[in-house]
Amino acid sequence: MVYVKGPGLYSDIGKKARGMDYQADRKFTLSTLTSNGVAITSSGTQKDDLFLADISTLLKNKNITTDLKVDTSSNVFTTVTVDEPAPGVKAIFSFVSPDQKSGKVELQYLHEYAGISTSLGFTAKPTVNFSGVAGNHQATVGTDISFNTATGNFTKLNGGISLISTDLIASLMVNDKGQSVTASYFHMVSLLTNTTVGAEFTHGFKSHENTLTFGAHHMMDLTTAVKARVNNYGKVNALLQHEWRPRSLITISGEVDTRAIEKSAKIGLAVAIRP
């Protein structure tokens, strides 16, 4: 898809402040590329005493990308992505075998001042999802809703706003049909060292629970990064990631609960080898 500098999609609101790559498992990933352009990726993950593995293939033909993945539970995940069937549009078809109710089609549209995503399940009475944002490089506002046609009820009703400047992003989201609110802040401290800090605060109106998380990221050199985050419940995560060759990474991460320090800390190791 041709890149359009616009507000992106609703899922981008508050995304930079969240950070999702902390893990306490052991994972190995190996990717290869065949002579005819097929990418094959094998991965294995150990979660405590459970070992999970999968193998996937990625094939690109003009503007059509087909991703096929098989896991140890004999599930087959298929995703077909069509770039630019019309200007600014991306179509995504996905299903999981043998689950006959898993089929879904998603359409995304990116514009200079808007971003829209809508999806529909391949069932007699599907759940319809719609999300959209409007704005520019300084501010965006959007909504994310899901409607269950079988029950006639809205299963998801969220809204959000994001304010953007050259070095910071502030976002506010109302989730769970107004039952919770999340505010986040992301600040680029130094472009030279890619040093960033962020914070996220979530309040549940019904549960009266508050969660406050602080995080930071810093590049020690061109190939080594460190990250850390801590929340108000005393859970601390840290990560060290090194690119030992182009596109190949080794990541060491840890998690400790400072309120239950007698429990063993969780240590994760991930190795990714790519051509």
C-alpha atoms as a PDB file:
ATOM      1  CA  MET A   1       0.000   0.000   0.000  1.00  0.00           C
ATOM      2  CA  VAL A   2       1.248   3.482  -0.816  1.00  0.00           C
ATOM      3  CA  TYR A   3       2.070   5.237   2.465  1.00  0.00           C
ATOM      4  CA  VAL A   4      -0.327   8.030   3.341  1.00  0.00           C
ATOM      5  CA  LYS A   5       0.748  10.434   6.060  1.00  0.00           C
ATOM      6  CA  GLY A   6      -2.492  10.721   7.974  1.00  0.00           C
ATOM      7  CA  PRO A   7      -4.011   9.877  11.365  1.00  0.00           C
ATOM      8  CA  GLY A   8      -3.597   6.119  10.830  1.00  0.00           C
ATOM      9  CA  LEU A   9      -6.086   3.704  12.410  1.00  0.00           C
ATOM     10  CA  TYR A  10      -7.888   3.730  15.768  1.00  0.00           C
ATOM     11  CA  SER A  11      -5.515   1.075  17.111  1.00  0.00           C
ATOM     12  CA  ASP A  12      -2.678   3.603  16.794  1.00  0.00           C
ATOM     13  CA  ILE A  13      -4.142   5.856  19.506  1.00  0.00           C
ATOM     14  CA  GLY A  14      -1.967   5.436  22.619  1.00  0.00           C
ATOM     15  CA  LYS A  15       0.018   2.637  20.946  1.00  0.00           C
ATOM     16  CA  LYS A  16       3.504   4.046  21.489  1.00  0.00           C
ATOM     17  CA  ALA A  17       3.000   4.397  25.237  1.00  0.00           C
ATOM     18  CA  ARG A  18       1.927   0.769  25.690  1.00  0.00           C
ATOM     19  CA  GLY A  19       4.975  -1.250  24.559  1.00  0.00           C
ATOM     20  CA  MET A  20       4.098  -4.920  24.035  1.00  0.00           C
ATOM     21  CA  ASP A  21       7.376  -6.830  23.643  1.00  0.00           C
ATOM     22  CA  TYR A  22       8.083  -7.805  27.273  1.00  0.00           C
ATOM     23  CA  GLN A  23       7.879 -11.552  27.823  1.00  0.00           C
ATOM     24  CA  ALA A  24       9.032 -14.122  30.356  1.00  0.00           C
ATOM     25  CA  ASP A  25       9.081 -17.125  28.023  1.00  0.00           C
ATOM     26  CA  ARG A  26      11.848 -18.761  25.989  1.00  0.00           C
ATOM     27  CA  LYS A  27      11.353 -18.346  22.254  1.00  0.00           C
ATOM     28  CA  PHE A  28      13.384 -19.224  19.169  1.00  0.00           C
ATOM     29  CA  THR A  29      12.519 -17.992  15.669  1.00  0.00           C
ATOM     30  CA  LEU A  30      14.237 -18.953  12.405  1.00  0.00           C
ATOM     31  CA  SER A  31      13.329 -17.335   9.092  1.00  0.00           C
ATOM     32  CA  THR A  32      14.544 -18.312   5.627  1.00  0.00           C
ATOM     33  CA  LEU A  33      13.858 -17.016   2.123  1.00  0.00           C
ATOM     34  CA  THR A  34      13.671 -19.386  -0.840  1.00  0.00           C
ATOM     35  CA  SER A  35      14.927 -18.578  -4.329  1.00  0.00           C
ATOM     36  CA  ASN A  36      11.379 -17.994  -5.595  1.00  0.00           C
ATOM     37  CA  GLY A  37      10.631 -15.440  -2.853  1.00  0.00           C
ATOM     38  CA  VAL A  38       8.735 -17.578  -0.329  1.00  0.00           C
ATOM     39  CA  ALA A  39       9.522 -16.660   3.290  1.00  0.00           C
ATOM     40  CA  ILE A  40       9.414 -19.587   5.753  1.00  0.00           C
ATOM     41  CA  THR A  41       9.447 -18.966   9.511  1.00  0.00           C
ATOM     42  CA  SER A  42       9.642 -21.591  12.253  1.00  0.00           C
ATOM     43  CA  SER A  43       9.231 -20.692  15.906  1.00  0.00           C
ATOM     44  CA  GLY A  44       9.081 -22.490  19.225  1.00  0.00           C
ATOM     45  CA  THR A  45       8.033 -21.083  22.600  1.00  0.00           C
ATOM     46  CA  GLN A  46       8.337 -22.669  26.028  1.00  0.00           C
ATOM     47  CA  LYS A  47       5.816 -21.431  28.595  1.00  0.00           C
ATOM     48  CA  ASP A  48       6.631 -23.088  31.915  1.00  0.00           C
ATOM     49  CA  ASP A  49       6.198 -26.824  31.137  1.00  0.00           C
ATOM     50  CA  LEU A  50       4.294 -26.218  27.903  1.00  0.00           C
ATOM     51  CA  PHE A  51       6.058 -26.106  24.529  1.00  0.00           C
ATOM     52  CA  LEU A  52       4.337 -24.453  21.570  1.00  0.00           C
ATOM     53  CA  ALA A  53       5.612 -24.416  17.997  1.00  0.00           C
ATOM     54  CA  ASP A  54       4.449 -23.242  14.595  1.00  0.00           C
ATOM     55  CA  ILE A  55       5.680 -22.923  11.035  1.00  0.00           C
ATOM     56  CA  SER A  56       4.491 -20.270   8.601  1.00  0.00           C
ATOM     57  CA  THR A  57       5.003 -19.389   4.954  1.00  0.00           C
ATOM     58  CA  LEU A  58       4.644 -15.956   3.379  1.00  0.00           C
ATOM     59  CA  LEU A  59       4.165 -15.598  -0.368  1.00  0.00           C
ATOM     60  CA  LYS A  60       3.893 -12.300  -2.234  1.00  0.00           C
ATOM     61  CA  ASN A  61       2.533 -12.074  -5.763  1.00  0.00           C
ATOM     62  CA  LYS A  62       2.159  -8.516  -7.085  1.00  0.00           C
ATOM     63  CA  ASN A  63      -0.231  -6.846  -4.608  1.00  0.00           C
ATOM     64  CA  ILE A  64      -1.450 -10.076  -2.956  1.00  0.00           C
ATOM     65  CA  THR A  65       0.236 -11.516   0.155  1.00  0.00           C
ATOM     66  CA  THR A  66      -0.688 -14.966   1.465  1.00  0.00           C
ATOM     67  CA  ASP A  67       0.321 -15.983   5.002  1.00  0.00           C
ATOM     68  CA  LEU A  68      -0.191 -19.617   6.020  1.00  0.00           C
ATOM     69  CA  LYS A  69       0.647 -20.866   9.546  1.00  0.00           C
ATOM     70  CA  VAL A  70       0.304 -24.307  11.164  1.00  0.00           C
ATOM     71  CA  ASP A  71       0.715 -24.816  14.932  1.00  0.00           C
ATOM     72  CA  THR A  72       1.209 -27.819  17.214  1.00  0.00           C
ATOM     73  CA  SER A  73      -2.546 -28.039  17.838  1.00  0.00           C
ATOM     74  CA  SER A  74      -3.130 -28.738  14.114  1.00  0.00           C
ATOM     75  CA  ASN A  75      -4.726 -25.346  13.592  1.00  0.00           C
ATOM     76  CA  VAL A  76      -4.164 -23.777  10.178  1.00  0.00           C
ATOM     77  CA  PHE A  77      -4.217 -19.970  10.105  1.00  0.00           C
ATOM     78  CA  THR A  78      -4.653 -18.396   6.672  1.00  0.00           C
ATOM     79  CA  THR A  79      -4.487 -14.670   5.935  1.00  0.00           C
ATOM     80  CA  VAL A  80      -4.729 -13.167   2.456  1.00  0.00           C
ATOM     81  CA  THR A  81      -3.979  -9.453   2.118  1.00  0.00           C
ATOM     82  CA  VAL A  82      -4.754  -7.458  -1.023  1.00  0.00           C
ATOM     83  CA  ASP A  83      -2.983  -4.092  -1.232  1.00  0.00           C
ATOM     84  CA  GLU A  84      -4.585  -1.250  -3.148  1.00  0.00           C
ATOM     85  CA  PRO A  85      -7.567  -2.958  -4.840  1.00  0.00           C
ATOM     86  CA  ALA A  86      -8.662   0.694  -4.891  1.00  0.00           C
ATOM     87  CA  PRO A  87      -6.640   3.807  -3.958  1.00  0.00           C
ATOM     88  CA  GLY A  88      -5.934   3.829  -0.194  1.00  0.00           C
ATOM     89  CA  VAL A  89      -7.723   0.516   0.422  1.00  0.00           C
ATOM     90  CA  LYS A  90      -6.398  -2.728   1.906  1.00  0.00           C
ATOM     91  CA  ALA A  91      -8.509  -5.927   2.037  1.00  0.00           C
ATOM     92  CA  ILE A  92      -7.689  -8.711   4.518  1.00  0.00           C
ATOM     93  CA  PHE A  93      -9.312 -12.153   4.450  1.00  0.00           C
ATOM     94  CA  SER A  94      -8.576 -14.538   7.333  1.00  0.00           C
ATOM     95  CA  PHE A  95      -9.807 -17.843   8.695  1.00  0.00           C
ATOM     96  CA  VAL A  96      -8.666 -20.659  10.984  1.00  0.00           C
ATOM     97  CA  SER A  97      -9.183 -24.306  10.126  1.00  0.00           C
ATOM     98  CA  PRO A  98     -10.983 -26.368  11.410  1.00  0.00           C
ATOM     99  CA  ASP A  99     -13.028 -23.578  13.058  1.00  0.00           C
ATOM    100  CA  GLN A 100     -15.781 -22.951  10.497  1.00  0.00           C
ATOM    101  CA  LYS A 101     -16.931 -19.774  12.259  1.00  0.00           C
ATOM    102  CA  SER A 102     -13.536 -18.051  12.252  1.00  0.00           C
ATOM    103  CA  GLY A 103     -13.705 -16.553   8.750  1.00  0.00           C
ATOM    104  CA  LYS A 104     -13.500 -12.774   8.605  1.00  0.00           C
ATOM    105  CA  VAL A 105     -13.011 -10.047   6.032  1.00  0.00           C
ATOM    106  CA  GLU A 106     -11.534  -6.661   6.952  1.00  0.00           C
ATOM    107  CA  LEU A 107     -11.320  -3.509   4.877  1.00  0.00           C
ATOM    108  CA  GLN A 108      -8.954  -0.669   5.745  1.00  0.00           C
ATOM    109  CA  TYR A 109      -8.939   2.772   4.174  1.00  0.00           C
ATOM    110  CA  LEU A 110      -6.221   5.343   4.799  1.00  0.00           C
ATOM    111  CA  HIS A 111      -6.636   8.975   3.800  1.00  0.00           C
ATOM    112  CA  GLU A 112      -4.658  12.108   4.529  1.00  0.00           C
ATOM    113  CA  TYR A 113      -7.259  13.147   7.108  1.00  0.00           C
ATOM    114  CA  ALA A 114      -8.994   9.867   8.028  1.00  0.00           C
ATOM    115  CA  GLY A 115      -8.477   6.174   8.715  1.00  0.00           C
ATOM    116  CA  ILE A 116     -11.234   3.563   8.653  1.00  0.00           C
ATOM    117  CA  SER A 117     -11.272  -0.149   9.436  1.00  0.00           C
ATOM    118  CA  THR A 118     -14.315  -2.392   9.261  1.00  0.00           C
ATOM    119  CA  SER A 119     -14.630  -6.167   9.565  1.00  0.00           C
ATOM    120  CA  LEU A 120     -17.368  -8.759   9.206  1.00  0.00           C
ATOM    121  CA  GLY A 121     -17.446 -12.423  10.188  1.00  0.00           C
ATOM    122  CA  PHE A 122     -18.456 -15.169   7.739  1.00  0.00           C
ATOM    123  CA  THR A 123     -21.436 -16.413   9.769  1.00  0.00           C
ATOM    124  CA  ALA A 124     -25.202 -16.205   9.428  1.00  0.00           C
ATOM    125  CA  LYS A 125     -25.398 -13.588  12.187  1.00  0.00           C
ATOM    126  CA  PRO A 126     -21.926 -12.065  12.400  1.00  0.00           C
ATOM    127  CA  THR A 127     -20.353  -9.506  14.684  1.00  0.00           C
ATOM    128  CA  VAL A 128     -19.684  -6.279  12.800  1.00  0.00           C
ATOM    129  CA  ASN A 129     -16.678  -4.191  13.832  1.00  0.00           C
ATOM    130  CA  PHE A 130     -16.065  -0.600  12.835  1.00  0.00           C
ATOM    131  CA  SER A 131     -13.366   1.834  13.850  1.00  0.00           C
ATOM    132  CA  GLY A 132     -12.506   5.207  12.436  1.00  0.00           C
ATOM    133  CA  VAL A 133     -10.359   8.219  13.153  1.00  0.00           C
ATOM    134  CA  ALA A 134     -10.269  11.718  11.732  1.00  0.00           C
ATOM    135  CA  GLY A 135      -7.598  14.364  12.105  1.00  0.00           C
ATOM    136  CA  ASN A 136      -4.147  15.383  10.982  1.00  0.00           C
ATOM    137  CA  HIS A 137      -0.544  15.302  12.219  1.00  0.00           C
ATOM    138  CA  GLN A 138      -1.507  17.390  15.289  1.00  0.00           C
ATOM    139  CA  ALA A 139      -4.731  15.841  16.596  1.00  0.00           C
ATOM    140  CA  THR A 140      -6.927  12.806  15.977  1.00  0.00           C
ATOM    141  CA  VAL A 141     -10.284  11.682  17.335  1.00  0.00           C
ATOM    142  CA  GLY A 142     -11.911   8.310  16.764  1.00  0.00           C
ATOM    143  CA  THR A 143     -14.234   5.526  17.825  1.00  0.00           C
ATOM    144  CA  ASP A 144     -14.165   1.719  17.926  1.00  0.00           C
ATOM    145  CA  ILE A 145     -17.453  -0.212  18.040  1.00  0.00           C
ATOM    146  CA  SER A 146     -18.654  -3.804  17.649  1.00  0.00           C
ATOM    147  CA  PHE A 147     -22.260  -4.863  17.050  1.00  0.00           C
ATOM    148  CA  ASN A 148     -23.523  -8.420  17.519  1.00  0.00           C
ATOM    149  CA  THR A 149     -26.250  -8.978  14.918  1.00  0.00           C
ATOM    150  CA  ALA A 150     -27.388 -12.176  16.697  1.00  0.00           C
ATOM    151  CA  THR A 151     -28.272 -10.402  19.954  1.00  0.00           C
ATOM    152  CA  GLY A 152     -28.779  -6.887  18.600  1.00  0.00           C
ATOM    153  CA  ASN A 153     -26.365  -5.474  21.186  1.00  0.00           C
ATOM    154  CA  PHE A 154     -23.202  -3.420  21.036  1.00  0.00           C
ATOM    155  CA  THR A 155     -20.404  -5.576  22.469  1.00  0.00           C
ATOM    156  CA  LYS A 156     -17.795  -2.821  22.260  1.00  0.00           C
ATOM    157  CA  LEU A 157     -18.122   0.937  22.349  1.00  0.00           C
ATOM    158  CA  ASN A 158     -14.887   2.894  22.747  1.00  0.00           C
ATOM    159  CA  GLY A 159     -13.679   6.375  21.890  1.00  0.00           C
ATOM    160  CA  GLY A 160     -10.361   8.171  21.943  1.00  0.00           C
ATOM    161  CA  ILE A 161      -8.483  11.367  21.195  1.00  0.00           C
ATOM    162  CA  SER A 162      -4.779  11.974  20.637  1.00  0.00           C
ATOM    163  CA  LEU A 163      -2.770  15.211  20.597  1.00  0.00           C
ATOM    164  CA  ILE A 164       0.566  15.124  18.766  1.00  0.00           C
ATOM    165  CA  SER A 165       3.594  17.419  18.597  1.00  0.00           C
ATOM    166  CA  THR A 166       7.124  16.926  17.320  1.00  0.00           C
ATOM    167  CA  ASP A 167       8.348  15.147  20.467  1.00  0.00           C
ATOM    168  CA  LEU A 168       5.304  14.070  22.476  1.00  0.00           C
ATOM    169  CA  ILE A 169       1.949  12.326  22.139  1.00  0.00           C
ATOM    170  CA  ALA A 170      -0.874  12.578  24.680  1.00  0.00           C
ATOM    171  CA  SER A 171      -3.917  10.314  24.382  1.00  0.00           C
ATOM    172  CA  LEU A 172      -7.212   9.796  26.201  1.00  0.00           C
ATOM    173  CA  MET A 173      -9.437   6.758  25.634  1.00  0.00           C
ATOM    174  CA  VAL A 174     -12.835   5.787  27.055  1.00  0.00           C
ATOM    175  CA  ASN A 175     -13.310   1.998  26.940  1.00  0.00           C
ATOM    176  CA  ASP A 176     -15.737  -0.745  27.995  1.00  0.00           C
ATOM    177  CA  LYS A 177     -18.837   1.284  27.132  1.00  0.00           C
ATOM    178  CA  GLY A 178     -17.704   4.097  29.392  1.00  0.00           C
ATOM    179  CA  GLN A 179     -16.709   1.841  32.313  1.00  0.00           C
ATOM    180  CA  SER A 180     -13.002   2.720  32.153  1.00  0.00           C
ATOM    181  CA  VAL A 181     -10.763   5.535  31.001  1.00  0.00           C
ATOM    182  CA  THR A 182      -7.101   5.402  29.971  1.00  0.00           C
ATOM    183  CA  ALA A 183      -4.753   8.377  29.643  1.00  0.00           C
ATOM    184  CA  SER A 184      -1.274   7.950  28.184  1.00  0.00           C
ATOM    185  CA  TYR A 185       1.776  10.099  27.523  1.00  0.00           C
ATOM    186  CA  PHE A 186       4.761   9.424  25.246  1.00  0.00           C
ATOM    187  CA  HIS A 187       7.778  11.727  25.057  1.00  0.00           C
ATOM    188  CA  MET A 188      10.807  11.564  22.763  1.00  0.00           C
ATOM    189  CA  VAL A 189      13.661  12.764  24.977  1.00  0.00           C
ATOM    190  CA  SER A 190      16.512  12.311  22.477  1.00  0.00           C
ATOM    191  CA  LEU A 191      16.401  11.415  18.796  1.00  0.00           C
ATOM    192  CA  LEU A 192      20.148  10.727  18.799  1.00  0.00           C
ATOM    193  CA  THR A 193      19.885   7.851  21.301  1.00  0.00           C
ATOM    194  CA  ASN A 194      16.194   7.070  20.657  1.00  0.00           C
ATOM    195  CA  THR A 195      15.515   7.751  24.319  1.00  0.00           C
ATOM    196  CA  THR A 196      11.813   7.810  25.145  1.00  0.00           C
ATOM    197  CA  VAL A 197       9.663   7.829  28.265  1.00  0.00           C
ATOM    198  CA  GLY A 198       5.994   7.038  28.640  1.00  0.00           C
ATOM    199  CA  ALA A 199       3.215   6.682  31.173  1.00  0.00           C
ATOM    200  CA  GLU A 200      -0.263   5.161  31.155  1.00  0.00           C
ATOM    201  CA  PHE A 201      -3.045   5.557  33.730  1.00  0.00           C
ATOM    202  CA  THR A 202      -6.241   3.483  33.718  1.00  0.00           C
ATOM    203  CA  HIS A 203      -9.230   3.993  36.033  1.00  0.00           C
ATOM    204  CA  GLY A 204     -12.192   1.623  36.268  1.00  0.00           C
ATOM    205  CA  PHE A 205     -15.356   3.460  37.252  1.00  0.00           C
ATOM    206  CA  LYS A 206     -17.176   0.280  38.299  1.00  0.00           C
ATOM    207  CA  SER A 207     -14.266  -1.535  39.950  1.00  0.00           C
ATOM    208  CA  HIS A 208     -12.654   1.666  41.311  1.00  0.00           C
ATOM    209  CA  GLU A 209      -9.272   0.181  40.401  1.00  0.00           C
ATOM    210  CA  ASN A 210      -6.386   2.344  39.235  1.00  0.00           C
ATOM    211  CA  THR A 211      -3.338   1.180  37.286  1.00  0.00           C
ATOM    212  CA  LEU A 212      -0.391   3.492  36.682  1.00  0.00           C
ATOM    213  CA  THR A 213       2.555   2.358  34.563  1.00  0.00           C
ATOM    214  CA  PHE A 214       5.821   4.166  33.776  1.00  0.00           C
ATOM    215  CA  GLY A 215       8.243   3.039  31.085  1.00  0.00           C
ATOM    216  CA  ALA A 216      11.448   4.101  29.319  1.00  0.00           C
ATOM    217  CA  HIS A 217      13.485   3.062  26.267  1.00  0.00           C
ATOM    218  CA  HIS A 218      17.133   3.881  25.425  1.00  0.00           C
ATOM    219  CA  MET A 219      19.557   2.844  22.675  1.00  0.00           C
ATOM    220  CA  MET A 220      22.965   2.146  24.207  1.00  0.00           C
ATOM    221  CA  ASP A 221      24.467   2.018  20.717  1.00  0.00           C
ATOM    222  CA  LEU A 222      23.252   1.403  17.167  1.00  0.00           C
ATOM    223  CA  THR A 223      22.474  -2.274  17.857  1.00  0.00           C
ATOM    224  CA  THR A 224      21.632  -2.504  21.591  1.00  0.00           C
ATOM    225  CA  ALA A 225      18.489  -1.286  23.319  1.00  0.00           C
ATOM    226  CA  VAL A 226      17.281  -1.365  26.919  1.00  0.00           C
ATOM    227  CA  LYS A 227      13.707  -0.963  28.134  1.00  0.00           C
ATOM    228  CA  ALA A 228      12.039  -0.967  31.534  1.00  0.00           C
ATOM    229  CA  ARG A 229       8.613  -0.385  33.030  1.00  0.00           C
ATOM    230  CA  VAL A 230       7.055  -0.440  36.487  1.00  0.00           C
ATOM    231  CA  ASN A 231       3.460  -0.133  37.689  1.00  0.00           C
ATOM    232  CA  ASN A 232       1.821   0.853  40.956  1.00  0.00           C
ATOM    233  CA  TYR A 233       1.281  -2.805  41.889  1.00  0.00           C
ATOM    234  CA  GLY A 234       5.041  -3.288  42.150  1.00  0.00           C
ATOM    235  CA  LYS A 235       5.527  -5.316  38.964  1.00  0.00           C
ATOM    236  CA  VAL A 236       8.820  -4.480  37.252  1.00  0.00           C
ATOM    237  CA  ASN A 237       9.804  -5.517  33.711  1.00  0.00           C
ATOM    238  CA  ALA A 238      13.180  -5.011  32.047  1.00  0.00           C
ATOM    239  CA  LEU A 239      14.506  -5.927  28.613  1.00  0.00           C
ATOM    240  CA  LEU A 240      17.867  -5.963  26.837  1.00  0.00           C
ATOM    241  CA  GLN A 241      17.831  -6.438  23.065  1.00  0.00           C
ATOM    242  CA  HIS A 242      20.846  -6.762  20.777  1.00  0.00           C
ATOM    243  CA  GLU A 243      20.898  -6.921  16.970  1.00  0.00           C
ATOM    244  CA  TRP A 244      23.916  -9.201  16.510  1.00  0.00           C
ATOM    245  CA  ARG A 245      23.495  -9.221  12.729  1.00  0.00           C
ATOM    246  CA  PRO A 246      21.122  -7.300  10.421  1.00  0.00           C
ATOM    247  CA  ARG A 247      17.476  -8.149  11.316  1.00  0.00           C
ATOM    248  CA  SER A 248      18.570 -10.883  13.759  1.00  0.00           C
ATOM    249  CA  LEU A 249      17.906 -10.226  17.437  1.00  0.00           C
ATOM    250  CA  ILE A 250      18.629 -11.715  20.833  1.00  0.00           C
ATOM    251  CA  THR A 251      16.395 -10.467  23.632  1.00  0.00           C
ATOM    252  CA  ILE A 252      16.744 -11.071  27.378  1.00  0.00           C
ATOM    253  CA  SER A 253      13.832  -9.953  29.538  1.00  0.00           C
ATOM    254  CA  GLY A 254      12.842 -10.257  33.157  1.00  0.00           C
ATOM    255  CA  GLU A 255       9.856  -9.711  35.417  1.00  0.00           C
ATOM    256  CA  VAL A 256       9.716  -9.425  39.186  1.00  0.00           C
ATOM    257  CA  ASP A 257       6.887  -8.690  41.608  1.00  0.00           C
ATOM    258  CA  THR A 258       8.339  -6.470  44.323  1.00  0.00           C
ATOM    259  CA  ARG A 259       5.336  -7.165  46.555  1.00  0.00           C
ATOM    260  CA  ALA A 260       6.068 -10.906  46.472  1.00  0.00           C
ATOM    261  CA  ILE A 261       9.831 -10.811  46.311  1.00  0.00           C
ATOM    262  CA  GLU A 262      10.029 -14.329  47.788  1.00  0.00           C
ATOM    263  CA  LYS A 263       8.749 -15.687  44.469  1.00  0.00           C
ATOM    264  CA  SER A 264      11.277 -16.414  41.739  1.00  0.00           C
ATOM    265  CA  ALA A 265      11.767 -13.758  39.108  1.00  0.00           C
ATOM    266  CA  LYS A 266      10.660 -14.686  35.594  1.00  0.00           C
ATOM    267  CA  ILE A 267      13.407 -14.653  32.969  1.00  0.00           C
ATOM    268  CA  GLY A 268      12.706 -14.715  29.232  1.00  0.00           C
ATOM    269  CA  LEU A 269      15.031 -15.346  26.294  1.00  0.00           C
ATOM    270  CA  ALA A 270      14.159 -14.832  22.645  1.00  0.00           C
ATOM    271  CA  VAL A 271      16.382 -15.448  19.623  1.00  0.00           C
ATOM    272  CA  ALA A 272      15.293 -14.420  16.130  1.00  0.00           C
ATOM    273  CA  ILE A 273      17.401 -15.277  13.074  1.00  0.00           C
ATOM    274  CA  ARG A 274      16.364 -13.658   9.803  1.00  0.00           C
ATOM    275  CA  PRO A 275      18.040 -13.492   6.386  1.00  0.00           C
END
